[in-house]
Amino acid sequence: MKKWLKISGALLPLVALPATVVACNANKTTEDKIDKLINLAVEFSFKSFEKSGNPVSEEIKKQTIEQTKNIIKSYWKKQLDSATTPEAKEKLNKELDKAIKEIEDKIKELN
């Protein structure tokens, strides 16, 4: 007799559960990296403004955060949606790691 588990309205056989959990965890990790990339890009923008001596108003901060968030999320979400195989997801995660590292390096240069 098979055991079933209901997740988000879908019945899944318990034998399929480990693969489902791995796929969900991979997406979560990728989404966490996308969020980290957004935060770093915003930090880089603000540090660049400060370094150039330009004052940054609250309105500019809000606009910068919103625009950066929209641009990065849109691009990387499309990449994530098109990465249908584990290999493609792994490649995407490596690209995200590289982008994060590049921005971290640029922030260090500004400091």
PDB file of N, CA and C in Angstrom:
ATOM      1  N   MET A   1       0.839  -1.185   0.000  1.00  0.00           N
ATOM      2  CA  MET A   1       0.000   0.000   0.000  1.00  0.00           C
ATOM      3  C   MET A   1       0.887   1.252   0.000  1.00  0.00           C
ATOM      4  N   LYS A   2       0.610   2.153  -0.944  1.00  0.00           N
ATOM      5  CA  LYS A   2       1.377   3.397  -1.027  1.00  0.00           C
ATOM      6  C   LYS A   2       0.873   4.384   0.009  1.00  0.00           C
ATOM      7  N   LYS A   3       1.799   5.168   0.515  1.00  0.00           N
ATOM      8  CA  LYS A   3       1.424   6.254   1.416  1.00  0.00           C
ATOM      9  C   LYS A   3       1.461   7.542   0.607  1.00  0.00           C
ATOM     10  N   TRP A   4       0.541   8.432   0.906  1.00  0.00           N
ATOM     11  CA  TRP A   4       0.420   9.681   0.168  1.00  0.00           C
ATOM     12  C   TRP A   4       0.534  10.860   1.125  1.00  0.00           C
ATOM     13  N   LEU A   5       1.021  11.961   0.602  1.00  0.00           N
ATOM     14  CA  LEU A   5       1.122  13.185   1.381  1.00  0.00           C
ATOM     15  C   LEU A   5       0.544  14.315   0.544  1.00  0.00           C
ATOM     16  N   LYS A   6      -0.311  15.121   1.176  1.00  0.00           N
ATOM     17  CA  LYS A   6      -0.925  16.232   0.449  1.00  0.00           C
ATOM     18  C   LYS A   6      -0.105  17.498   0.691  1.00  0.00           C
ATOM     19  N   ILE A   7       0.433  18.078  -0.407  1.00  0.00           N
ATOM     20  CA  ILE A   7       1.197  19.322  -0.331  1.00  0.00           C
ATOM     21  C   ILE A   7       0.594  20.304  -1.324  1.00  0.00           C
ATOM     22  N   SER A   8       0.184  21.437  -0.823  1.00  0.00           N
ATOM     23  CA  SER A   8      -0.407  22.488  -1.671  1.00  0.00           C
ATOM     24  C   SER A   8      -1.507  21.937  -2.566  1.00  0.00           C
ATOM     25  N   GLY A   9      -2.349  21.100  -2.016  1.00  0.00           N
ATOM     26  CA  GLY A   9      -3.480  20.569  -2.757  1.00  0.00           C
ATOM     27  C   GLY A   9      -3.162  19.402  -3.660  1.00  0.00           C
ATOM     28  N   ALA A  10      -1.902  19.014  -3.773  1.00  0.00           N
ATOM     29  CA  ALA A  10      -1.519  17.900  -4.645  1.00  0.00           C
ATOM     30  C   ALA A  10      -1.158  16.694  -3.793  1.00  0.00           C
ATOM     31  N   LEU A  11      -1.649  15.544  -4.205  1.00  0.00           N
ATOM     32  CA  LEU A  11      -1.289  14.309  -3.518  1.00  0.00           C
ATOM     33  C   LEU A  11      -0.007  13.767  -4.130  1.00  0.00           C
ATOM     34  N   LEU A  12       0.981  13.526  -3.296  1.00  0.00           N
ATOM     35  CA  LEU A  12       2.251  12.997  -3.775  1.00  0.00           C
ATOM     36  C   LEU A  12       2.532  11.673  -3.098  1.00  0.00           C
ATOM     37  N   PRO A  13       2.961  10.680  -3.880  1.00  0.00           N
ATOM     38  CA  PRO A  13       3.382   9.447  -3.221  1.00  0.00           C
ATOM     39  C   PRO A  13       4.640   9.737  -2.414  1.00  0.00           C
ATOM     40  N   LEU A  14       4.772   9.140  -1.262  1.00  0.00           N
ATOM     41  CA  LEU A  14       5.912   9.421  -0.394  1.00  0.00           C
ATOM     42  C   LEU A  14       7.247   9.080  -1.048  1.00  0.00           C
ATOM     43  N   VAL A  15       7.258   8.141  -1.999  1.00  0.00           N
ATOM     44  CA  VAL A  15       8.517   7.823  -2.680  1.00  0.00           C
ATOM     45  C   VAL A  15       8.996   8.998  -3.530  1.00  0.00           C
ATOM     46  N   ALA A  16       8.087   9.836  -3.995  1.00  0.00           N
ATOM     47  CA  ALA A  16       8.461  10.989  -4.819  1.00  0.00           C
ATOM     48  C   ALA A  16       8.839  12.191  -3.962  1.00  0.00           C
ATOM     49  N   LEU A  17       8.549  12.114  -2.689  1.00  0.00           N
ATOM     50  CA  LEU A  17       8.763  13.255  -1.813  1.00  0.00           C
ATOM     51  C   LEU A  17      10.210  13.735  -1.746  1.00  0.00           C
ATOM     52  N   PRO A  18      11.213  12.864  -1.596  1.00  0.00           N
ATOM     53  CA  PRO A  18      12.587  13.381  -1.522  1.00  0.00           C
ATOM     54  C   PRO A  18      12.985  14.225  -2.730  1.00  0.00           C
ATOM     55  N   ALA A  19      12.619  13.816  -3.927  1.00  0.00           N
ATOM     56  CA  ALA A  19      12.954  14.593  -5.124  1.00  0.00           C
ATOM     57  C   ALA A  19      12.231  15.937  -5.102  1.00  0.00           C
ATOM     58  N   THR A  20      10.987  15.934  -4.636  1.00  0.00           N
ATOM     59  CA  THR A  20      10.218  17.173  -4.550  1.00  0.00           C
ATOM     60  C   THR A  20      10.852  18.125  -3.552  1.00  0.00           C
ATOM     61  N   VAL A  21      11.251  17.600  -2.417  1.00  0.00           N
ATOM     62  CA  VAL A  21      11.876  18.429  -1.385  1.00  0.00           C
ATOM     63  C   VAL A  21      13.191  19.006  -1.894  1.00  0.00           C
ATOM     64  N   VAL A  22      13.982  18.209  -2.586  1.00  0.00           N
ATOM     65  CA  VAL A  22      15.247  18.692  -3.143  1.00  0.00           C
ATOM     66  C   VAL A  22      14.987  19.814  -4.141  1.00  0.00           C
ATOM     67  N   ALA A  23      14.008  19.639  -5.014  1.00  0.00           N
ATOM     68  CA  ALA A  23      13.691  20.672  -6.002  1.00  0.00           C
ATOM     69  C   ALA A  23      13.232  21.951  -5.315  1.00  0.00           C
ATOM     70  N   CYS A  24      12.393  21.833  -4.291  1.00  0.00           N
ATOM     71  CA  CYS A  24      11.928  23.012  -3.555  1.00  0.00           C
ATOM     72  C   CYS A  24      13.091  23.709  -2.861  1.00  0.00           C
ATOM     73  N   ASN A  25      13.984  22.933  -2.269  1.00  0.00           N
ATOM     74  CA  ASN A  25      15.139  23.518  -1.590  1.00  0.00           C
ATOM     75  C   ASN A  25      16.055  24.225  -2.574  1.00  0.00           C
ATOM     76  N   ALA A  26      16.224  23.667  -3.766  1.00  0.00           N
ATOM     77  CA  ALA A  26      17.076  24.303  -4.778  1.00  0.00           C
ATOM     78  C   ALA A  26      16.492  25.650  -5.176  1.00  0.00           C
ATOM     79  N   ASN A  27      15.168  25.703  -5.372  1.00  0.00           N
ATOM     80  CA  ASN A  27      14.534  26.968  -5.723  1.00  0.00           C
ATOM     81  C   ASN A  27      14.677  27.974  -4.592  1.00  0.00           C
ATOM     82  N   LYS A  28      14.501  27.531  -3.353  1.00  0.00           N
ATOM     83  CA  LYS A  28      14.617  28.422  -2.201  1.00  0.00           C
ATOM     84  C   LYS A  28      16.027  28.993  -2.127  1.00  0.00           C
ATOM     85  N   THR A  29      17.007  28.134  -2.293  1.00  0.00           N
ATOM     86  CA  THR A  29      18.392  28.587  -2.261  1.00  0.00           C
ATOM     87  C   THR A  29      18.646  29.607  -3.364  1.00  0.00           C
ATOM     88  N   THR A  30      18.158  29.336  -4.554  1.00  0.00           N
ATOM     89  CA  THR A  30      18.342  30.249  -5.677  1.00  0.00           C
ATOM     90  C   THR A  30      17.644  31.575  -5.399  1.00  0.00           C
ATOM     91  N   GLU A  31      16.432  31.519  -4.866  1.00  0.00           N
ATOM     92  CA  GLU A  31      15.706  32.750  -4.550  1.00  0.00           C
ATOM     93  C   GLU A  31      16.416  33.539  -3.453  1.00  0.00           C
ATOM     94  N   ASP A  32      17.005  32.838  -2.488  1.00  0.00           N
ATOM     95  CA  ASP A  32      17.800  33.511  -1.452  1.00  0.00           C
ATOM     96  C   ASP A  32      18.989  34.230  -2.081  1.00  0.00           C
ATOM     97  N   LYS A  33      19.620  33.581  -3.049  1.00  0.00           N
ATOM     98  CA  LYS A  33      20.766  34.195  -3.727  1.00  0.00           C
ATOM     99  C   LYS A  33      20.325  35.416  -4.531  1.00  0.00           C
ATOM    100  N   ILE A  34      19.156  35.330  -5.156  1.00  0.00           N
ATOM    101  CA  ILE A  34      18.627  36.470  -5.907  1.00  0.00           C
ATOM    102  C   ILE A  34      18.394  37.640  -4.951  1.00  0.00           C
ATOM    103  N   ASP A  35      17.810  37.359  -3.785  1.00  0.00           N
ATOM    104  CA  ASP A  35      17.588  38.410  -2.785  1.00  0.00           C
ATOM    105  C   ASP A  35      18.913  39.008  -2.308  1.00  0.00           C
ATOM    106  N   LYS A  36      19.908  38.159  -2.104  1.00  0.00           N
ATOM    107  CA  LYS A  36      21.224  38.648  -1.678  1.00  0.00           C
ATOM    108  C   LYS A  36      21.827  39.545  -2.757  1.00  0.00           C
ATOM    109  N   LEU A  37      21.685  39.132  -4.012  1.00  0.00           N
ATOM    110  CA  LEU A  37      22.199  39.928  -5.128  1.00  0.00           C
ATOM    111  C   LEU A  37      21.522  41.300  -5.170  1.00  0.00           C
ATOM    112  N   ILE A  38      20.221  41.330  -4.943  1.00  0.00           N
ATOM    113  CA  ILE A  38      19.480  42.600  -4.918  1.00  0.00           C
ATOM    114  C   ILE A  38      20.031  43.501  -3.816  1.00  0.00           C
ATOM    115  N   ASN A  39      20.176  42.946  -2.618  1.00  0.00           N
ATOM    116  CA  ASN A  39      20.672  43.740  -1.487  1.00  0.00           C
ATOM    117  C   ASN A  39      22.074  44.282  -1.749  1.00  0.00           C
ATOM    118  N   LEU A  40      22.930  43.450  -2.326  1.00  0.00           N
ATOM    119  CA  LEU A  40      24.292  43.896  -2.630  1.00  0.00           C
ATOM    120  C   LEU A  40      24.300  44.975  -3.713  1.00  0.00           C
ATOM    121  N   ALA A  41      23.449  44.817  -4.723  1.00  0.00           N
ATOM    122  CA  ALA A  41      23.384  45.810  -5.799  1.00  0.00           C
ATOM    123  C   ALA A  41      22.913  47.159  -5.257  1.00  0.00           C
ATOM    124  N   VAL A  42      21.937  47.127  -4.366  1.00  0.00           N
ATOM    125  CA  VAL A  42      21.449  48.364  -3.748  1.00  0.00           C
ATOM    126  C   VAL A  42      22.556  48.995  -2.900  1.00  0.00           C
ATOM    127  N   GLU A  43      23.238  48.169  -2.107  1.00  0.00           N
ATOM    128  CA  GLU A  43      24.343  48.668  -1.280  1.00  0.00           C
ATOM    129  C   GLU A  43      25.426  49.306  -2.151  1.00  0.00           C
ATOM    130  N   PHE A  44      25.748  48.642  -3.258  1.00  0.00           N
ATOM    131  CA  PHE A  44      26.757  49.180  -4.178  1.00  0.00           C
ATOM    132  C   PHE A  44      26.315  50.530  -4.742  1.00  0.00           C
ATOM    133  N   SER A  45      25.045  50.635  -5.117  1.00  0.00           N
ATOM    134  CA  SER A  45      24.522  51.900  -5.655  1.00  0.00           C
ATOM    135  C   SER A  45      24.678  53.027  -4.640  1.00  0.00           C
ATOM    136  N   PHE A  46      24.273  52.762  -3.395  1.00  0.00           N
ATOM    137  CA  PHE A  46      24.347  53.796  -2.363  1.00  0.00           C
ATOM    138  C   PHE A  46      25.789  54.185  -2.060  1.00  0.00           C
ATOM    139  N   LYS A  47      26.670  53.202  -1.987  1.00  0.00           N
ATOM    140  CA  LYS A  47      28.084  53.502  -1.713  1.00  0.00           C
ATOM    141  C   LYS A  47      28.693  54.300  -2.864  1.00  0.00           C
ATOM    142  N   SER A  48      28.281  53.992  -4.093  1.00  0.00           N
ATOM    143  CA  SER A  48      28.771  54.744  -5.257  1.00  0.00           C
ATOM    144  C   SER A  48      28.318  56.200  -5.181  1.00  0.00           C
ATOM    145  N   PHE A  49      27.030  56.405  -4.827  1.00  0.00           N
ATOM    146  CA  PHE A  49      26.514  57.766  -4.667  1.00  0.00           C
ATOM    147  C   PHE A  49      27.315  58.514  -3.607  1.00  0.00           C
ATOM    148  N   GLU A  50      27.489  57.884  -2.455  1.00  0.00           N
ATOM    149  CA  GLU A  50      28.203  58.516  -1.344  1.00  0.00           C
ATOM    150  C   GLU A  50      29.643  58.839  -1.724  1.00  0.00           C
ATOM    151  N   LYS A  51      30.289  57.915  -2.404  1.00  0.00           N
ATOM    152  CA  LYS A  51      31.692  58.084  -2.800  1.00  0.00           C
ATOM    153  C   LYS A  51      31.852  59.275  -3.746  1.00  0.00           C
ATOM    154  N   SER A  52      30.849  59.485  -4.596  1.00  0.00           N
ATOM    155  CA  SER A  52      30.924  60.591  -5.553  1.00  0.00           C
ATOM    156  C   SER A  52      30.543  61.925  -4.911  1.00  0.00           C
ATOM    157  N   GLY A  53      30.129  61.889  -3.647  1.00  0.00           N
ATOM    158  CA  GLY A  53      29.797  63.120  -2.939  1.00  0.00           C
ATOM    159  C   GLY A  53      28.378  63.596  -3.157  1.00  0.00           C
ATOM    160  N   ASN A  54      27.569  62.807  -3.834  1.00  0.00           N
ATOM    161  CA  ASN A  54      26.175  63.181  -4.064  1.00  0.00           C
ATOM    162  C   ASN A  54      25.321  62.756  -2.874  1.00  0.00           C
ATOM    163  N   PRO A  55      24.509  63.685  -2.365  1.00  0.00           N
ATOM    164  CA  PRO A  55      23.617  63.292  -1.271  1.00  0.00           C
ATOM    165  C   PRO A  55      22.522  62.367  -1.806  1.00  0.00           C
ATOM    166  N   VAL A  56      22.095  61.441  -0.973  1.00  0.00           N
ATOM    167  CA  VAL A  56      21.066  60.486  -1.376  1.00  0.00           C
ATOM    168  C   VAL A  56      19.830  60.729  -0.521  1.00  0.00           C
ATOM    169  N   SER A  57      18.785  61.242  -1.157  1.00  0.00           N
ATOM    170  CA  SER A  57      17.545  61.498  -0.425  1.00  0.00           C
ATOM    171  C   SER A  57      16.794  60.186  -0.212  1.00  0.00           C
ATOM    172  N   GLU A  58      15.843  60.235   0.696  1.00  0.00           N
ATOM    173  CA  GLU A  58      15.027  59.043   0.966  1.00  0.00           C
ATOM    174  C   GLU A  58      14.249  58.625  -0.282  1.00  0.00           C
ATOM    175  N   GLU A  59      13.803  59.600  -1.057  1.00  0.00           N
ATOM    176  CA  GLU A  59      13.056  59.296  -2.281  1.00  0.00           C
ATOM    177  C   GLU A  59      13.941  58.565  -3.286  1.00  0.00           C
ATOM    178  N   ILE A  60      15.175  59.023  -3.438  1.00  0.00           N
ATOM    179  CA  ILE A  60      16.110  58.352  -4.353  1.00  0.00           C
ATOM    180  C   ILE A  60      16.410  56.945  -3.848  1.00  0.00           C
ATOM    181  N   LYS A  61      16.568  56.800  -2.543  1.00  0.00           N
ATOM    182  CA  LYS A  61      16.814  55.468  -1.969  1.00  0.00           C
ATOM    183  C   LYS A  61      15.661  54.524  -2.290  1.00  0.00           C
ATOM    184  N   LYS A  62      14.423  55.009  -2.073  1.00  0.00           N
ATOM    185  CA  LYS A  62      13.254  54.164  -2.334  1.00  0.00           C
ATOM    186  C   LYS A  62      13.176  53.772  -3.800  1.00  0.00           C
ATOM    187  N   GLN A  63      13.401  54.749  -4.688  1.00  0.00           N
ATOM    188  CA  GLN A  63      13.343  54.474  -6.127  1.00  0.00           C
ATOM    189  C   GLN A  63      14.441  53.503  -6.545  1.00  0.00           C
ATOM    190  N   THR A  64      15.637  53.699  -6.017  1.00  0.00           N
ATOM    191  CA  THR A  64      16.764  52.823  -6.356  1.00  0.00           C
ATOM    192  C   THR A  64      16.487  51.397  -5.913  1.00  0.00           C
ATOM    193  N   ILE A  65      15.997  51.248  -4.695  1.00  0.00           N
ATOM    194  CA  ILE A  65      15.682  49.912  -4.177  1.00  0.00           C
ATOM    195  C   ILE A  65      14.628  49.245  -5.045  1.00  0.00           C
ATOM    196  N   GLU A  66      13.562  49.969  -5.348  1.00  0.00           N
ATOM    197  CA  GLU A  66      12.458  49.394  -6.125  1.00  0.00           C
ATOM    198  C   GLU A  66      12.896  49.029  -7.541  1.00  0.00           C
ATOM    199  N   GLN A  67      13.612  49.929  -8.204  1.00  0.00           N
ATOM    200  CA  GLN A  67      14.061  49.661  -9.573  1.00  0.00           C
ATOM    201  C   GLN A  67      15.052  48.506  -9.619  1.00  0.00           C
ATOM    202  N   THR A  68      15.996  48.496  -8.690  1.00  0.00           N
ATOM    203  CA  THR A  68      16.989  47.420  -8.645  1.00  0.00           C
ATOM    204  C   THR A  68      16.302  46.087  -8.407  1.00  0.00           C
ATOM    205  N   LYS A  69      15.381  46.079  -7.463  1.00  0.00           N
ATOM    206  CA  LYS A  69      14.639  44.856  -7.136  1.00  0.00           C
ATOM    207  C   LYS A  69      13.879  44.347  -8.362  1.00  0.00           C
ATOM    208  N   ASN A  70      13.171  45.238  -9.040  1.00  0.00           N
ATOM    209  CA  ASN A  70      12.377  44.828 -10.202  1.00  0.00           C
ATOM    210  C   ASN A  70      13.249  44.291 -11.332  1.00  0.00           C
ATOM    211  N   ILE A  71      14.338  44.982 -11.625  1.00  0.00           N
ATOM    212  CA  ILE A  71      15.209  44.571 -12.731  1.00  0.00           C
ATOM    213  C   ILE A  71      15.855  43.220 -12.448  1.00  0.00           C
ATOM    214  N   ILE A  72      16.458  43.094 -11.273  1.00  0.00           N
ATOM    215  CA  ILE A  72      17.175  41.859 -10.948  1.00  0.00           C
ATOM    216  C   ILE A  72      16.214  40.688 -10.803  1.00  0.00           C
ATOM    217  N   LYS A  73      15.108  40.894 -10.089  1.00  0.00           N
ATOM    218  CA  LYS A  73      14.151  39.794  -9.911  1.00  0.00           C
ATOM    219  C   LYS A  73      13.583  39.342 -11.243  1.00  0.00           C
ATOM    220  N   SER A  74      13.244  40.294 -12.098  1.00  0.00           N
ATOM    221  CA  SER A  74      12.682  39.954 -13.403  1.00  0.00           C
ATOM    222  C   SER A  74      13.657  39.100 -14.209  1.00  0.00           C
ATOM    223  N   TYR A  75      14.906  39.543 -14.293  1.00  0.00           N
ATOM    224  CA  TYR A  75      15.901  38.815 -15.078  1.00  0.00           C
ATOM    225  C   TYR A  75      16.152  37.420 -14.510  1.00  0.00           C
ATOM    226  N   TRP A  76      16.458  37.349 -13.217  1.00  0.00           N
ATOM    227  CA  TRP A  76      16.840  36.060 -12.634  1.00  0.00           C
ATOM    228  C   TRP A  76      15.653  35.115 -12.483  1.00  0.00           C
ATOM    229  N   LYS A  77      14.440  35.654 -12.308  1.00  0.00           N
ATOM    230  CA  LYS A  77      13.254  34.786 -12.258  1.00  0.00           C
ATOM    231  C   LYS A  77      13.045  34.113 -13.616  1.00  0.00           C
ATOM    232  N   LYS A  78      13.245  34.863 -14.698  1.00  0.00           N
ATOM    233  CA  LYS A  78      13.134  34.271 -16.035  1.00  0.00           C
ATOM    234  C   LYS A  78      14.172  33.171 -16.207  1.00  0.00           C
ATOM    235  N   GLN A  79      15.387  33.434 -15.730  1.00  0.00           N
ATOM    236  CA  GLN A  79      16.444  32.425 -15.819  1.00  0.00           C
ATOM    237  C   GLN A  79      16.066  31.187 -15.005  1.00  0.00           C
ATOM    238  N   LEU A  80      15.527  31.411 -13.818  1.00  0.00           N
ATOM    239  CA  LEU A  80      15.139  30.302 -12.944  1.00  0.00           C
ATOM    240  C   LEU A  80      14.004  29.491 -13.561  1.00  0.00           C
ATOM    241  N   ASP A  81      13.021  30.187 -14.133  1.00  0.00           N
ATOM    242  CA  ASP A  81      11.893  29.489 -14.755  1.00  0.00           C
ATOM    243  C   ASP A  81      12.327  28.665 -15.959  1.00  0.00           C
ATOM    244  N   SER A  82      13.347  29.121 -16.675  1.00  0.00           N
ATOM    245  CA  SER A  82      13.792  28.387 -17.862  1.00  0.00           C
ATOM    246  C   SER A  82      14.783  27.271 -17.520  1.00  0.00           C
ATOM    247  N   ALA A  83      15.293  27.264 -16.299  1.00  0.00           N
ATOM    248  CA  ALA A  83      16.224  26.204 -15.873  1.00  0.00           C
ATOM    249  C   ALA A  83      15.407  25.007 -15.401  1.00  0.00           C
ATOM    250  N   THR A  84      15.160  24.082 -16.322  1.00  0.00           N
ATOM    251  CA  THR A  84      14.254  22.977 -16.014  1.00  0.00           C
ATOM    252  C   THR A  84      14.958  21.703 -15.566  1.00  0.00           C
ATOM    253  N   THR A  85      16.242  21.609 -15.791  1.00  0.00           N
ATOM    254  CA  THR A  85      16.970  20.404 -15.388  1.00  0.00           C
ATOM    255  C   THR A  85      17.851  20.716 -14.179  1.00  0.00           C
ATOM    256  N   PRO A  86      18.219  19.705 -13.410  1.00  0.00           N
ATOM    257  CA  PRO A  86      19.127  19.943 -12.278  1.00  0.00           C
ATOM    258  C   PRO A  86      20.448  20.577 -12.719  1.00  0.00           C
ATOM    259  N   GLU A  87      20.940  20.185 -13.893  1.00  0.00           N
ATOM    260  CA  GLU A  87      22.190  20.753 -14.400  1.00  0.00           C
ATOM    261  C   GLU A  87      22.027  22.247 -14.692  1.00  0.00           C
ATOM    262  N   ALA A  88      20.891  22.608 -15.279  1.00  0.00           N
ATOM    263  CA  ALA A  88      20.630  24.017 -15.593  1.00  0.00           C
ATOM    264  C   ALA A  88      20.493  24.837 -14.313  1.00  0.00           C
ATOM    265  N   LYS A  89      19.845  24.270 -13.309  1.00  0.00           N
ATOM    266  CA  LYS A  89      19.703  24.968 -12.024  1.00  0.00           C
ATOM    267  C   LYS A  89      21.064  25.139 -11.350  1.00  0.00           C
ATOM    268  N   GLU A  90      21.896  24.121 -11.455  1.00  0.00           N
ATOM    269  CA  GLU A  90      23.238  24.208 -10.879  1.00  0.00           C
ATOM    270  C   GLU A  90      24.054  25.293 -11.588  1.00  0.00           C
ATOM    271  N   LYS A  91      23.944  25.338 -12.913  1.00  0.00           N
ATOM    272  CA  LYS A  91      24.651  26.364 -13.687  1.00  0.00           C
ATOM    273  C   LYS A  91      24.156  27.760 -13.292  1.00  0.00           C
ATOM    274  N   LEU A  92      22.850  27.891 -13.124  1.00  0.00           N
ATOM    275  CA  LEU A  92      22.262  29.164 -12.719  1.00  0.00           C
ATOM    276  C   LEU A  92      22.786  29.588 -11.347  1.00  0.00           C
ATOM    277  N   ASN A  93      22.851  28.645 -10.422  1.00  0.00           N
ATOM    278  CA  ASN A  93      23.371  28.956  -9.088  1.00  0.00           C
ATOM    279  C   ASN A  93      24.826  29.399  -9.151  1.00  0.00           C
ATOM    280  N   LYS A  94      25.609  28.778 -10.031  1.00  0.00           N
ATOM    281  CA  LYS A  94      27.012  29.181 -10.189  1.00  0.00           C
ATOM    282  C   LYS A  94      27.104  30.598 -10.759  1.00  0.00           C
ATOM    283  N   GLU A  95      26.223  30.917 -11.711  1.00  0.00           N
ATOM    284  CA  GLU A  95      26.198  32.267 -12.276  1.00  0.00           C
ATOM    285  C   GLU A  95      25.825  33.289 -11.207  1.00  0.00           C
ATOM    286  N   LEU A  96      24.859  32.931 -10.366  1.00  0.00           N
ATOM    287  CA  LEU A  96      24.466  33.820  -9.272  1.00  0.00           C
ATOM    288  C   LEU A  96      25.620  34.026  -8.295  1.00  0.00           C
ATOM    289  N   ASP A  97      26.305  32.929  -7.954  1.00  0.00           N
ATOM    290  CA  ASP A  97      27.459  33.026  -7.053  1.00  0.00           C
ATOM    291  C   ASP A  97      28.514  33.969  -7.629  1.00  0.00           C
ATOM    292  N   LYS A  98      28.743  33.853  -8.934  1.00  0.00           N
ATOM    293  CA  LYS A  98      29.738  34.699  -9.601  1.00  0.00           C
ATOM    294  C   LYS A  98      29.311  36.169  -9.556  1.00  0.00           C
ATOM    295  N   ALA A  99      28.036  36.428  -9.836  1.00  0.00           N
ATOM    296  CA  ALA A  99      27.526  37.804  -9.809  1.00  0.00           C
ATOM    297  C   ALA A  99      27.625  38.388  -8.400  1.00  0.00           C
ATOM    298  N   ILE A 100      27.291  37.587  -7.397  1.00  0.00           N
ATOM    299  CA  ILE A 100      27.380  38.035  -6.003  1.00  0.00           C
ATOM    300  C   ILE A 100      28.824  38.374  -5.654  1.00  0.00           C
ATOM    301  N   LYS A 101      29.737  37.513  -6.045  1.00  0.00           N
ATOM    302  CA  LYS A 101      31.166  37.726  -5.759  1.00  0.00           C
ATOM    303  C   LYS A 101      31.666  39.010  -6.421  1.00  0.00           C
ATOM    304  N   GLU A 102      31.256  39.241  -7.670  1.00  0.00           N
ATOM    305  CA  GLU A 102      31.686  40.444  -8.387  1.00  0.00           C
ATOM    306  C   GLU A 102      31.212  41.713  -7.685  1.00  0.00           C
ATOM    307  N   ILE A 103      29.961  41.720  -7.239  1.00  0.00           N
ATOM    308  CA  ILE A 103      29.442  42.911  -6.559  1.00  0.00           C
ATOM    309  C   ILE A 103      30.117  43.079  -5.198  1.00  0.00           C
ATOM    310  N   GLU A 104      30.332  41.976  -4.487  1.00  0.00           N
ATOM    311  CA  GLU A 104      31.039  42.066  -3.203  1.00  0.00           C
ATOM    312  C   GLU A 104      32.431  42.659  -3.401  1.00  0.00           C
ATOM    313  N   ASP A 105      33.120  42.250  -4.462  1.00  0.00           N
ATOM    314  CA  ASP A 105      34.450  42.789  -4.753  1.00  0.00           C
ATOM    315  C   ASP A 105      34.391  44.287  -5.064  1.00  0.00           C
ATOM    316  N   LYS A 106      33.373  44.695  -5.819  1.00  0.00           N
ATOM    317  CA  LYS A 106      33.224  46.117  -6.159  1.00  0.00           C
ATOM    318  C   LYS A 106      32.931  46.947  -4.908  1.00  0.00           C
ATOM    319  N   ILE A 107      32.142  46.394  -3.998  1.00  0.00           N
ATOM    320  CA  ILE A 107      31.850  47.098  -2.741  1.00  0.00           C
ATOM    321  C   ILE A 107      33.128  47.252  -1.920  1.00  0.00           C
ATOM    322  N   LYS A 108      33.943  46.205  -1.884  1.00  0.00           N
ATOM    323  CA  LYS A 108      35.223  46.277  -1.153  1.00  0.00           C
ATOM    324  C   LYS A 108      36.126  47.351  -1.748  1.00  0.00           C
ATOM    325  N   GLU A 109      36.116  47.468  -3.078  1.00  0.00           N
ATOM    326  CA  GLU A 109      36.929  48.493  -3.739  1.00  0.00           C
ATOM    327  C   GLU A 109      36.493  49.896  -3.331  1.00  0.00           C
ATOM    328  N   LEU A 110      35.188  50.082  -3.144  1.00  0.00           N
ATOM    329  CA  LEU A 110      34.675  51.398  -2.761  1.00  0.00           C
ATOM    330  C   LEU A 110      35.033  51.754  -1.321  1.00  0.00           C
ATOM    331  N   ASN A 111      35.201  50.744  -0.491  1.00  0.00           N
ATOM    332  CA  ASN A 111      35.511  50.999   0.930  1.00  0.00           C
ATOM    333  C   ASN A 111      36.907  51.371   1.074  1.00  0.00           C
TER     334      ASN A 111
END
